[in-house]
């Protein structure tokens, strides 16, 4: 049984894909480091880390040290600060994540 919990249904749906793919090796691998993923989009996003220096990340969280290349990633990250202390209403029933 999985104890994964999240504030967002989309995150739960994405998490459950991991269970659907268990036993299958990650299909997408970074050729510059050991990063592996089941999703092509995740690999593309990851590879930007290698393309751009850390100092060029222009979106910065005002609450913590988080930095990103993408405005939408910063908005998603800031939700963590907005919902702290609120019970997570979606949880995975398969793993402990």
N, C-alpha and C. Protein backbone atom coordinates (compact mmCIF):
# COMPACT_ATOMS: atom_id res chain seq x y z
N UNK A 1 0.84 -1.19 0.00
CA UNK A 1 0.00 0.00 0.00
C UNK A 1 0.88 1.24 0.00
N UNK A 2 0.45 2.27 -0.68
CA UNK A 2 1.23 3.49 -0.86
C UNK A 2 0.65 4.62 -0.02
N UNK A 3 1.51 5.36 0.65
CA UNK A 3 1.07 6.48 1.49
C UNK A 3 1.29 7.83 0.84
N UNK A 4 1.54 7.87 -0.48
CA UNK A 4 1.78 9.14 -1.17
C UNK A 4 0.58 10.07 -0.96
N UNK A 5 0.86 11.33 -0.65
CA UNK A 5 -0.19 12.34 -0.47
C UNK A 5 0.22 13.60 -1.21
N UNK A 6 -0.76 14.31 -1.73
CA UNK A 6 -0.49 15.56 -2.43
C UNK A 6 -1.70 16.47 -2.32
N UNK A 7 -1.48 17.72 -2.61
CA UNK A 7 -2.57 18.70 -2.59
C UNK A 7 -3.31 18.71 -3.93
N UNK A 8 -2.73 18.09 -4.95
CA UNK A 8 -3.24 18.26 -6.30
C UNK A 8 -3.53 16.91 -6.97
N UNK A 9 -4.70 16.80 -7.57
CA UNK A 9 -5.11 15.57 -8.25
C UNK A 9 -4.15 15.23 -9.40
N UNK A 10 -3.72 16.24 -10.13
CA UNK A 10 -2.79 16.01 -11.24
C UNK A 10 -1.52 15.32 -10.75
N UNK A 11 -1.00 15.77 -9.61
CA UNK A 11 0.21 15.16 -9.06
C UNK A 11 -0.02 13.69 -8.71
N UNK A 12 -1.18 13.39 -8.17
CA UNK A 12 -1.51 11.99 -7.85
C UNK A 12 -1.58 11.16 -9.13
N UNK A 13 -2.22 11.71 -10.15
CA UNK A 13 -2.31 10.99 -11.42
C UNK A 13 -0.92 10.70 -11.99
N UNK A 14 -0.03 11.68 -11.93
CA UNK A 14 1.33 11.49 -12.42
C UNK A 14 2.06 10.46 -11.56
N UNK A 15 1.87 10.52 -10.25
CA UNK A 15 2.52 9.57 -9.35
C UNK A 15 2.05 8.14 -9.66
N UNK A 16 0.79 7.97 -9.92
CA UNK A 16 0.26 6.63 -10.17
C UNK A 16 0.81 6.02 -11.45
N UNK A 17 1.26 6.85 -12.38
CA UNK A 17 1.91 6.33 -13.59
C UNK A 17 3.18 5.57 -13.24
N UNK A 18 3.83 5.97 -12.16
CA UNK A 18 5.03 5.26 -11.71
C UNK A 18 4.68 3.83 -11.36
N UNK A 19 3.55 3.64 -10.68
CA UNK A 19 3.12 2.29 -10.32
C UNK A 19 2.76 1.49 -11.58
N UNK A 20 2.13 2.16 -12.55
CA UNK A 20 1.78 1.49 -13.80
C UNK A 20 3.02 1.03 -14.54
N UNK A 21 4.12 1.76 -14.36
CA UNK A 21 5.36 1.47 -15.09
C UNK A 21 6.35 0.65 -14.26
N UNK A 22 5.97 0.24 -13.04
CA UNK A 22 6.91 -0.52 -12.21
C UNK A 22 7.33 -1.78 -12.94
N UNK A 23 8.59 -2.10 -12.81
CA UNK A 23 9.12 -3.25 -13.52
C UNK A 23 9.63 -2.90 -14.90
N UNK A 24 9.30 -1.70 -15.36
CA UNK A 24 9.78 -1.22 -16.65
C UNK A 24 10.89 -0.22 -16.35
N UNK A 25 12.01 -0.36 -17.02
CA UNK A 25 13.11 0.58 -16.81
C UNK A 25 12.72 1.96 -17.32
N UNK A 26 13.29 2.98 -16.70
CA UNK A 26 13.03 4.33 -17.17
C UNK A 26 13.44 4.41 -18.63
N UNK A 27 12.55 4.95 -19.43
CA UNK A 27 12.73 4.96 -20.88
C UNK A 27 13.67 6.06 -21.34
N UNK A 28 13.68 7.17 -20.61
CA UNK A 28 14.45 8.33 -21.03
C UNK A 28 15.61 8.58 -20.08
N UNK A 29 16.82 8.68 -20.65
CA UNK A 29 18.03 8.86 -19.84
C UNK A 29 18.81 10.06 -20.34
N UNK A 30 19.31 10.84 -19.42
CA UNK A 30 20.15 11.99 -19.76
C UNK A 30 21.52 11.48 -20.18
N UNK A 31 22.05 12.03 -21.27
CA UNK A 31 23.36 11.59 -21.73
C UNK A 31 24.50 12.37 -21.08
N UNK A 32 24.16 13.30 -20.17
CA UNK A 32 25.18 14.10 -19.50
C UNK A 32 25.33 13.77 -18.02
N UNK A 33 24.38 13.01 -17.47
CA UNK A 33 24.44 12.62 -16.06
C UNK A 33 23.63 11.34 -15.86
N UNK A 34 23.39 10.96 -14.61
CA UNK A 34 22.69 9.70 -14.31
C UNK A 34 21.17 9.83 -14.24
N UNK A 35 20.62 11.00 -14.58
CA UNK A 35 19.18 11.22 -14.49
C UNK A 35 18.43 10.28 -15.43
N UNK A 36 17.33 9.68 -14.91
CA UNK A 36 16.46 8.80 -15.69
C UNK A 36 15.02 9.15 -15.36
N UNK A 37 14.13 8.95 -16.31
CA UNK A 37 12.71 9.22 -16.08
C UNK A 37 11.85 8.37 -17.00
N UNK A 38 10.60 8.26 -16.64
CA UNK A 38 9.62 7.56 -17.47
C UNK A 38 9.03 8.49 -18.53
N UNK A 39 9.25 9.81 -18.37
CA UNK A 39 8.54 10.79 -19.18
C UNK A 39 9.50 11.65 -20.01
N UNK A 40 9.25 11.76 -21.30
CA UNK A 40 10.09 12.54 -22.21
C UNK A 40 10.13 14.01 -21.80
N UNK A 41 9.00 14.56 -21.41
CA UNK A 41 8.95 15.98 -21.02
C UNK A 41 9.84 16.25 -19.80
N UNK A 42 9.87 15.32 -18.86
CA UNK A 42 10.73 15.49 -17.69
C UNK A 42 12.20 15.53 -18.10
N UNK A 43 12.58 14.69 -19.05
CA UNK A 43 13.96 14.69 -19.52
C UNK A 43 14.31 16.00 -20.20
N UNK A 44 13.41 16.50 -21.04
CA UNK A 44 13.66 17.79 -21.71
C UNK A 44 13.86 18.90 -20.69
N UNK A 45 13.00 18.93 -19.69
CA UNK A 45 13.10 19.95 -18.64
C UNK A 45 14.41 19.79 -17.87
N UNK A 46 14.75 18.56 -17.55
CA UNK A 46 15.99 18.29 -16.83
C UNK A 46 17.21 18.75 -17.63
N UNK A 47 17.23 18.50 -18.92
CA UNK A 47 18.40 18.82 -19.73
C UNK A 47 18.68 20.31 -19.80
N UNK A 48 17.69 21.12 -19.52
CA UNK A 48 17.93 22.57 -19.47
C UNK A 48 18.92 22.93 -18.36
N UNK A 49 18.97 22.11 -17.34
CA UNK A 49 19.93 22.34 -16.25
C UNK A 49 21.35 22.33 -16.81
N UNK A 50 21.60 21.47 -17.75
CA UNK A 50 22.93 21.38 -18.35
C UNK A 50 23.17 22.52 -19.35
N UNK A 51 22.11 23.05 -19.94
CA UNK A 51 22.23 24.08 -20.97
C UNK A 51 22.45 25.48 -20.41
N UNK A 52 21.96 25.74 -19.22
CA UNK A 52 21.99 27.09 -18.66
C UNK A 52 22.69 27.07 -17.31
N UNK A 53 23.57 28.00 -17.08
CA UNK A 53 24.25 28.11 -15.80
C UNK A 53 23.26 28.48 -14.70
N UNK A 54 23.55 28.04 -13.48
CA UNK A 54 22.70 28.31 -12.31
C UNK A 54 22.44 29.81 -12.15
N UNK A 55 23.43 30.62 -12.41
CA UNK A 55 23.30 32.07 -12.20
C UNK A 55 22.33 32.72 -13.18
N UNK A 56 21.97 32.01 -14.24
CA UNK A 56 21.06 32.58 -15.23
C UNK A 56 19.59 32.28 -14.94
N UNK A 57 19.32 31.60 -13.87
CA UNK A 57 17.92 31.33 -13.51
C UNK A 57 17.30 32.64 -13.05
N UNK A 58 16.28 33.10 -13.79
CA UNK A 58 15.76 34.44 -13.50
C UNK A 58 14.53 34.46 -12.60
N UNK A 59 13.92 33.32 -12.35
CA UNK A 59 12.74 33.28 -11.49
C UNK A 59 13.15 32.75 -10.12
N UNK A 60 12.98 33.59 -9.09
CA UNK A 60 13.44 33.25 -7.75
C UNK A 60 12.29 33.38 -6.75
N UNK A 61 12.19 32.41 -5.87
CA UNK A 61 11.18 32.42 -4.82
C UNK A 61 11.55 33.46 -3.77
N UNK A 62 10.57 34.24 -3.33
CA UNK A 62 10.81 35.25 -2.31
C UNK A 62 10.79 34.65 -0.91
N UNK A 63 10.32 33.42 -0.77
CA UNK A 63 10.20 32.78 0.53
C UNK A 63 11.40 31.89 0.87
N UNK A 64 12.00 31.28 -0.16
CA UNK A 64 13.14 30.38 0.08
C UNK A 64 14.18 30.58 -1.02
N UNK A 65 15.15 29.69 -1.11
CA UNK A 65 16.25 29.82 -2.07
C UNK A 65 15.96 29.19 -3.44
N UNK A 66 14.74 28.74 -3.67
CA UNK A 66 14.40 28.08 -4.93
C UNK A 66 14.58 29.05 -6.10
N UNK A 67 15.20 28.55 -7.19
CA UNK A 67 15.37 29.31 -8.43
C UNK A 67 15.03 28.41 -9.60
N UNK A 68 14.54 29.01 -10.68
CA UNK A 68 14.18 28.22 -11.85
C UNK A 68 14.30 29.05 -13.12
N UNK A 69 14.31 28.37 -14.23
CA UNK A 69 14.33 29.01 -15.54
C UNK A 69 12.91 29.37 -16.00
N UNK A 70 11.91 28.80 -15.34
CA UNK A 70 10.55 28.89 -15.85
C UNK A 70 9.60 29.57 -14.86
N UNK A 71 8.80 30.49 -15.39
CA UNK A 71 7.82 31.19 -14.56
C UNK A 71 6.78 30.20 -14.02
N UNK A 72 6.32 29.27 -14.86
CA UNK A 72 5.30 28.31 -14.40
C UNK A 72 5.85 27.40 -13.30
N UNK A 73 7.14 27.09 -13.35
CA UNK A 73 7.74 26.26 -12.30
C UNK A 73 7.77 27.01 -10.97
N UNK A 74 8.07 28.30 -11.03
CA UNK A 74 8.07 29.11 -9.81
C UNK A 74 6.66 29.17 -9.22
N UNK A 75 5.66 29.38 -10.07
CA UNK A 75 4.27 29.42 -9.58
C UNK A 75 3.89 28.10 -8.92
N UNK A 76 4.26 26.99 -9.54
CA UNK A 76 3.96 25.67 -8.97
C UNK A 76 4.68 25.51 -7.64
N UNK A 77 5.94 25.91 -7.59
CA UNK A 77 6.72 25.82 -6.35
C UNK A 77 6.09 26.65 -5.24
N UNK A 78 5.65 27.85 -5.55
CA UNK A 78 5.11 28.75 -4.53
C UNK A 78 3.85 28.19 -3.88
N UNK A 79 3.17 27.30 -4.55
CA UNK A 79 2.01 26.65 -3.96
C UNK A 79 2.39 25.87 -2.71
N UNK A 80 3.62 25.37 -2.67
CA UNK A 80 4.10 24.65 -1.48
C UNK A 80 4.03 25.56 -0.27
N UNK A 81 4.44 26.80 -0.44
CA UNK A 81 4.41 27.76 0.67
C UNK A 81 2.96 28.17 0.99
N UNK A 82 2.13 28.27 -0.04
CA UNK A 82 0.74 28.70 0.15
C UNK A 82 -0.09 27.68 0.90
N UNK A 83 0.22 26.39 0.75
CA UNK A 83 -0.62 25.34 1.34
C UNK A 83 0.02 24.66 2.54
N UNK A 84 1.14 25.17 3.01
CA UNK A 84 1.76 24.56 4.19
C UNK A 84 0.78 24.61 5.35
N UNK A 85 0.68 23.52 6.06
CA UNK A 85 -0.22 23.45 7.20
C UNK A 85 -1.61 22.97 6.83
N UNK A 86 -1.90 22.86 5.54
CA UNK A 86 -3.19 22.36 5.09
C UNK A 86 -3.04 20.87 4.82
N UNK A 87 -4.00 20.07 5.26
CA UNK A 87 -3.94 18.63 5.04
C UNK A 87 -3.97 18.33 3.54
N UNK A 88 -3.18 17.38 3.13
CA UNK A 88 -3.16 16.94 1.74
C UNK A 88 -4.36 16.03 1.53
N UNK A 89 -5.14 16.30 0.47
CA UNK A 89 -6.37 15.55 0.31
C UNK A 89 -6.29 14.40 -0.68
N UNK A 90 -5.22 14.32 -1.47
CA UNK A 90 -5.06 13.21 -2.40
C UNK A 90 -3.88 12.37 -1.95
N UNK A 91 -4.05 11.08 -1.87
CA UNK A 91 -2.94 10.22 -1.48
C UNK A 91 -2.98 8.93 -2.28
N UNK A 92 -1.80 8.40 -2.53
CA UNK A 92 -1.67 7.15 -3.27
C UNK A 92 -1.95 5.98 -2.34
N UNK A 93 -2.71 5.01 -2.79
CA UNK A 93 -3.01 3.84 -1.97
C UNK A 93 -2.11 2.65 -2.27
N UNK A 94 -1.05 2.88 -3.05
CA UNK A 94 -0.19 1.77 -3.46
C UNK A 94 1.19 1.81 -2.81
N UNK A 95 1.80 3.02 -2.67
CA UNK A 95 3.16 3.08 -2.12
C UNK A 95 3.26 4.08 -0.97
N UNK A 96 4.47 4.19 -0.39
CA UNK A 96 4.69 5.07 0.75
C UNK A 96 5.12 6.47 0.35
N UNK A 97 5.09 6.80 -0.92
CA UNK A 97 5.58 8.09 -1.38
C UNK A 97 4.74 9.23 -0.85
